[in-house]
């Protein structure tokens, strides 16, 4: 079955009245600006706002994205050391992407919500809580023998190369491939013999839905 992907851009107006750049310390001089595809139309205006207020702005392009400044949950990278940035500003109304950016990059992350028109610094403790869950999943993986690989059939979320790397790195384990389009967490109860799940699909599941898993879950990118 063929799929047609259509970008859904937010059609509302951007109001920067609540974006007080003074809340970002002077020590943060060079900023990487990111958003999701919904708010791509706002990037130029936000960049101009930051530059006008004395900041240097970089629009980086992570792998598998269509535009500079676009971020996908499954392709968030470590930009900090490689790209010489002091902080990150994320434009959006969700917490998953800024949390993932903070986990990969140990620098301050700020969030400007275009709907509430508020700028706030991401609480580092929130990212640390998420990171703790990820580490617990990794510990369980290494102590488990039977592993359930969660594989999405959605375009862009299948990474067979990573699966092969995992199996070669840990050949002593038994792997069970569980494929799905949209994961029904209740169906995981049908596999009581699985000791640990490995998320090979969207990283959001491991961050936001970790409590829904009947057993610990690790992210494949942390294991290979």
Protein backbone atom coordinates (compact mmCIF):
# COMPACT_ATOMS: atom_id res chain seq x y z
CA UNK A 1 0.00 0.00 0.00
CA UNK A 2 1.40 3.38 -1.01
CA UNK A 3 1.46 6.26 1.45
CA UNK A 4 1.31 9.96 0.67
CA UNK A 5 2.95 12.20 3.27
CA UNK A 6 1.70 15.77 3.41
CA UNK A 7 3.33 18.36 5.64
CA UNK A 8 0.94 19.94 8.13
CA UNK A 9 2.10 23.51 8.79
CA UNK A 10 0.62 25.62 11.58
CA UNK A 11 -1.37 28.45 9.97
CA UNK A 12 -1.60 30.75 12.99
CA UNK A 13 0.46 33.91 13.42
CA UNK A 14 3.71 34.07 15.35
CA UNK A 15 3.69 36.40 18.36
CA UNK A 16 7.11 37.01 19.87
CA UNK A 17 5.92 39.37 22.59
CA UNK A 18 6.63 36.70 25.21
CA UNK A 19 10.06 35.83 23.82
CA UNK A 20 12.31 37.84 26.12
CA UNK A 21 15.84 37.07 24.90
CA UNK A 22 17.22 38.61 28.11
CA UNK A 23 16.15 35.40 29.87
CA UNK A 24 18.94 33.66 27.99
CA UNK A 25 22.27 34.43 29.75
CA UNK A 26 24.98 36.43 27.96
CA UNK A 27 27.28 33.40 28.28
CA UNK A 28 25.08 31.64 25.73
CA UNK A 29 26.25 33.42 22.59
CA UNK A 30 25.78 30.88 19.80
CA UNK A 31 22.40 29.18 19.65
CA UNK A 32 21.19 26.23 17.59
CA UNK A 33 17.57 26.83 16.63
CA UNK A 34 15.27 23.85 16.09
CA UNK A 35 11.61 23.14 15.51
CA UNK A 36 9.31 20.47 14.07
CA UNK A 37 7.83 20.66 10.59
CA UNK A 38 4.64 22.26 11.95
CA UNK A 39 6.45 25.48 12.85
CA UNK A 40 9.10 25.62 10.12
CA UNK A 41 7.54 28.83 8.78
CA UNK A 42 8.53 30.59 12.04
CA UNK A 43 12.25 29.86 11.97
CA UNK A 44 13.37 32.91 10.01
CA UNK A 45 11.41 35.29 12.24
CA UNK A 46 12.72 33.70 15.43
CA UNK A 47 16.27 33.74 14.07
CA UNK A 48 15.98 37.45 13.25
CA UNK A 49 14.59 38.12 16.74
CA UNK A 50 17.55 36.39 18.37
CA UNK A 51 20.14 38.03 16.12
CA UNK A 52 18.64 41.47 16.72
CA UNK A 53 19.10 40.85 20.42
CA UNK A 54 22.78 39.99 20.11
CA UNK A 55 22.79 36.22 19.62
CA UNK A 56 24.45 34.18 16.89
CA UNK A 57 22.11 31.58 15.44
CA UNK A 58 22.84 28.37 13.57
CA UNK A 59 20.29 26.28 11.70
CA UNK A 60 21.76 22.80 11.76
CA UNK A 61 20.43 19.95 9.62
CA UNK A 62 20.23 16.56 11.36
CA UNK A 63 20.24 13.43 9.22
CA UNK A 64 17.01 12.37 7.50
CA UNK A 65 15.46 15.83 7.80
CA UNK A 66 14.24 17.94 4.90
CA UNK A 67 15.20 21.40 6.14
CA UNK A 68 17.91 23.12 8.22
CA UNK A 69 16.53 23.64 11.71
CA UNK A 70 14.06 20.76 11.45
CA UNK A 71 14.30 18.10 14.11
CA UNK A 72 12.93 14.56 14.22
CA UNK A 73 12.77 12.54 17.42
CA UNK A 74 14.44 9.54 15.85
CA UNK A 75 17.41 11.48 14.44
CA UNK A 76 18.41 13.82 17.27
CA UNK A 77 22.20 14.01 17.44
CA UNK A 78 24.97 15.33 19.65
CA UNK A 79 25.56 18.81 18.23
CA UNK A 80 27.32 20.41 21.19
CA UNK A 81 31.01 19.64 20.62
CA UNK A 82 30.88 19.20 16.86
CA UNK A 83 29.04 22.41 16.02
CA UNK A 84 30.35 24.78 18.69
CA UNK A 85 27.06 25.92 20.14
CA UNK A 86 26.42 27.23 23.66
CA UNK A 87 22.69 26.55 23.88
CA UNK A 88 19.61 25.35 22.06
CA UNK A 89 16.26 27.04 21.45
CA UNK A 90 13.36 24.80 20.48
CA UNK A 91 10.18 26.26 18.98
CA UNK A 92 7.19 24.05 19.74
CA UNK A 93 4.41 23.05 22.11
CA UNK A 94 5.61 19.58 23.18
CA UNK A 95 8.26 18.31 25.58
CA UNK A 96 9.59 15.22 23.80
CA UNK A 97 11.94 16.96 21.37
CA UNK A 98 13.51 19.40 23.87
CA UNK A 99 13.97 16.54 26.35
CA UNK A 100 15.69 14.45 23.70
CA UNK A 101 17.87 17.41 22.69
CA UNK A 102 18.86 17.92 26.32
CA UNK A 103 19.74 14.25 26.81
CA UNK A 104 22.01 14.24 23.77
CA UNK A 105 23.55 17.65 24.44
CA UNK A 106 24.69 18.72 27.91
CA UNK A 107 24.00 22.40 27.28
CA UNK A 108 21.04 24.63 28.23
CA UNK A 109 17.84 24.12 26.24
CA UNK A 110 15.15 26.80 26.02
CA UNK A 111 11.61 26.29 24.77
CA UNK A 112 9.43 28.93 23.15
CA UNK A 113 5.82 27.80 22.88
CA UNK A 114 4.16 29.71 20.01
CA UNK A 115 0.71 28.84 21.37
CA UNK A 116 1.15 30.03 24.95
CA UNK A 117 3.71 32.68 23.86
CA UNK A 118 6.02 31.78 26.74
CA UNK A 119 9.77 31.18 26.86
CA UNK A 120 11.18 28.87 29.51
CA UNK A 121 14.38 27.04 30.30
CA UNK A 122 14.08 23.27 30.29
CA UNK A 123 14.46 21.93 33.80
CA UNK A 124 17.54 19.73 33.67
CA UNK A 125 16.04 17.42 36.29
CA UNK A 126 13.28 16.44 33.83
CA UNK A 127 15.88 15.28 31.33
CA UNK A 128 17.77 13.45 34.07
CA UNK A 129 14.63 11.52 35.06
CA UNK A 130 14.15 10.46 31.47
CA UNK A 131 17.82 9.52 31.21
CA UNK A 132 17.55 7.41 34.36
CA UNK A 133 14.72 5.37 32.82
CA UNK A 134 16.84 4.84 29.71
CA UNK A 135 19.79 3.61 31.80
CA UNK A 136 17.55 1.19 33.70
CA UNK A 137 16.38 -0.24 30.37
CA UNK A 138 19.99 -0.73 29.28
CA UNK A 139 20.86 -2.50 32.53
CA UNK A 140 17.92 -4.89 32.08
CA UNK A 141 18.94 -5.56 28.48
CA UNK A 142 22.42 -6.70 29.50
CA UNK A 143 21.02 -9.01 32.18
CA UNK A 144 18.32 -10.51 29.93
CA UNK A 145 18.46 -13.43 27.53
CA UNK A 146 15.17 -13.08 25.60
CA UNK A 147 14.80 -9.72 23.86
CA UNK A 148 11.75 -8.33 22.06
CA UNK A 149 12.63 -6.03 19.15
CA UNK A 150 9.87 -3.47 18.54
CA UNK A 151 9.86 -2.66 14.83
CA UNK A 152 7.60 -0.11 13.14
CA UNK A 153 6.40 -0.61 9.58
CA UNK A 154 5.93 3.16 9.16
CA UNK A 155 8.19 4.73 6.51
CA UNK A 156 11.34 6.22 8.00
CA UNK A 157 11.23 4.21 11.22
CA UNK A 158 12.73 0.95 10.01
CA UNK A 159 16.48 0.55 10.53
CA UNK A 160 17.52 -2.97 9.58
CA UNK A 161 21.21 -2.03 9.71
CA UNK A 162 20.90 -1.19 13.41
CA UNK A 163 19.18 -4.51 14.09
CA UNK A 164 22.05 -6.37 12.44
CA UNK A 165 24.59 -4.40 14.49
CA UNK A 166 22.76 -5.23 17.72
CA UNK A 167 22.62 -8.95 16.94
CA UNK A 168 26.30 -9.06 15.99
CA UNK A 169 27.29 -7.16 19.12
CA UNK A 170 25.22 -9.41 21.40
CA UNK A 171 24.96 -12.80 19.64
CA UNK A 172 24.40 -14.62 22.93
CA UNK A 173 20.82 -13.34 23.22
CA UNK A 174 17.61 -14.63 21.66
CA UNK A 175 15.74 -12.03 19.62
CA UNK A 176 12.02 -11.88 18.80
CA UNK A 177 10.93 -9.36 16.18
CA UNK A 178 7.57 -7.72 16.90
CA UNK A 179 6.40 -5.64 13.93
CA UNK A 180 3.54 -3.14 14.04
CA UNK A 181 2.19 0.02 12.47
CA UNK A 182 0.87 1.68 15.64
CA UNK A 183 1.87 -0.13 18.81
CA UNK A 184 -0.90 -1.45 21.04
CA UNK A 185 0.88 -1.73 24.39
CA UNK A 186 -1.67 -4.19 25.75
CA UNK A 187 -0.61 -6.70 23.08
CA UNK A 188 2.86 -6.91 24.62
CA UNK A 189 1.32 -8.91 27.46
CA UNK A 190 0.98 -11.76 24.96
CA UNK A 191 4.74 -12.28 25.15
CA UNK A 192 5.43 -13.01 28.83
CA UNK A 193 8.66 -14.85 28.02
CA UNK A 194 10.31 -11.63 26.80
CA UNK A 195 12.47 -10.14 29.55
CA UNK A 196 13.28 -6.79 27.96
CA UNK A 197 12.08 -4.78 24.97
CA UNK A 198 14.30 -2.82 22.61
CA UNK A 199 12.67 0.14 20.92
CA UNK A 200 13.71 0.11 17.26
CA UNK A 201 10.98 2.56 16.20
CA UNK A 202 10.21 6.08 17.42
CA UNK A 203 12.25 7.19 20.45
CA UNK A 204 9.17 8.97 21.78
CA UNK A 205 7.80 5.63 23.02
CA UNK A 206 10.75 5.11 25.34
CA UNK A 207 10.56 8.67 26.68
CA UNK A 208 6.85 9.40 27.00
CA UNK A 209 5.31 5.91 27.10
CA UNK A 210 7.82 4.02 29.24
CA UNK A 211 5.19 3.46 31.97
CA UNK A 212 2.98 1.63 29.46
CA UNK A 213 5.49 -1.16 28.87
CA UNK A 214 4.95 -4.32 30.95
CA UNK A 215 8.73 -4.76 31.19
CA UNK A 216 11.75 -2.44 30.86
CA UNK A 217 12.54 -0.94 27.47
CA UNK A 218 15.89 0.18 26.03
CA UNK A 219 16.55 2.28 22.96
CA UNK A 220 18.51 0.59 20.20
CA UNK A 221 20.67 3.69 19.65
CA UNK A 222 22.00 3.35 23.21
CA UNK A 223 22.98 -0.27 22.64
CA UNK A 224 24.89 -0.28 19.36
